[in-house]
Amino acid sequence: MNELHFHLAEKMLMKLREEELISQEEFDQISKLIRQKFNTLLGPLMCDKS
């Protein structure tokens, strides 16, 4: 279930960035928090941004 929640959170975050509602710095910080929160096995491999 964590994998699904991780994927959905990252997808929403990417949409915010694409629409320039958040900066790249904010994107990187939030992405890091998402990876920590959901503690997935595949998440860090799929989108290693920092």
Protein backbone atom coordinates (compact mmCIF):
# COMPACT_ATOMS: atom_id res chain seq x y z
CA MET A 1 0.00 0.00 0.00
CA ASN A 2 2.93 2.35 0.69
CA GLU A 3 4.06 1.95 -2.93
CA LEU A 4 0.67 3.14 -4.17
CA HIS A 5 0.56 6.10 -1.80
CA PHE A 6 4.12 7.01 -2.73
CA HIS A 7 3.32 6.90 -6.42
CA LEU A 8 0.20 9.07 -6.02
CA ALA A 9 2.02 11.64 -3.89
CA GLU A 10 4.91 11.87 -6.38
CA LYS A 11 2.47 12.20 -9.28
CA MET A 12 0.67 15.09 -7.56
CA LEU A 13 4.00 16.71 -6.72
CA MET A 14 5.15 16.45 -10.33
CA LYS A 15 1.90 18.06 -11.49
CA LEU A 16 2.45 20.99 -9.10
CA ARG A 17 5.95 21.45 -10.50
CA GLU A 18 4.82 21.19 -14.12
CA GLU A 19 2.26 23.93 -13.51
CA GLU A 20 4.99 26.00 -11.81
CA LEU A 21 3.02 26.22 -8.57
CA ILE A 22 6.15 25.22 -6.64
CA SER A 23 9.84 25.90 -7.25
CA GLN A 24 12.43 23.25 -8.06
CA GLU A 25 13.85 23.66 -4.56
CA GLU A 26 10.43 23.08 -3.00
CA PHE A 27 9.92 20.10 -5.29
CA ASP A 28 13.21 18.54 -4.17
CA GLN A 29 12.46 19.11 -0.47
CA ILE A 30 8.93 17.70 -0.69
CA SER A 31 10.10 14.73 -2.77
CA LYS A 32 12.65 13.88 -0.09
CA LEU A 33 9.96 14.06 2.60
CA ILE A 34 7.66 11.83 0.55
CA ARG A 35 10.39 9.19 0.22
CA GLN A 36 11.02 9.31 3.97
CA LYS A 37 7.32 9.20 4.86
CA PHE A 38 6.37 6.22 2.72
CA ASN A 39 9.66 4.33 3.09
CA THR A 40 9.17 2.32 -0.09
CA LEU A 41 11.52 -0.15 -1.70
CA LEU A 42 10.95 0.92 -5.30
CA GLY A 43 10.34 4.65 -4.77
CA PRO A 44 13.96 5.77 -4.42
CA LEU A 45 14.95 3.65 -7.41
CA MET A 46 12.23 5.07 -9.61
CA CYS A 47 12.91 8.73 -8.94
CA ASP A 48 16.23 9.45 -7.29
CA LYS A 49 16.26 13.26 -7.28
CA SER A 50 18.66 14.06 -4.44
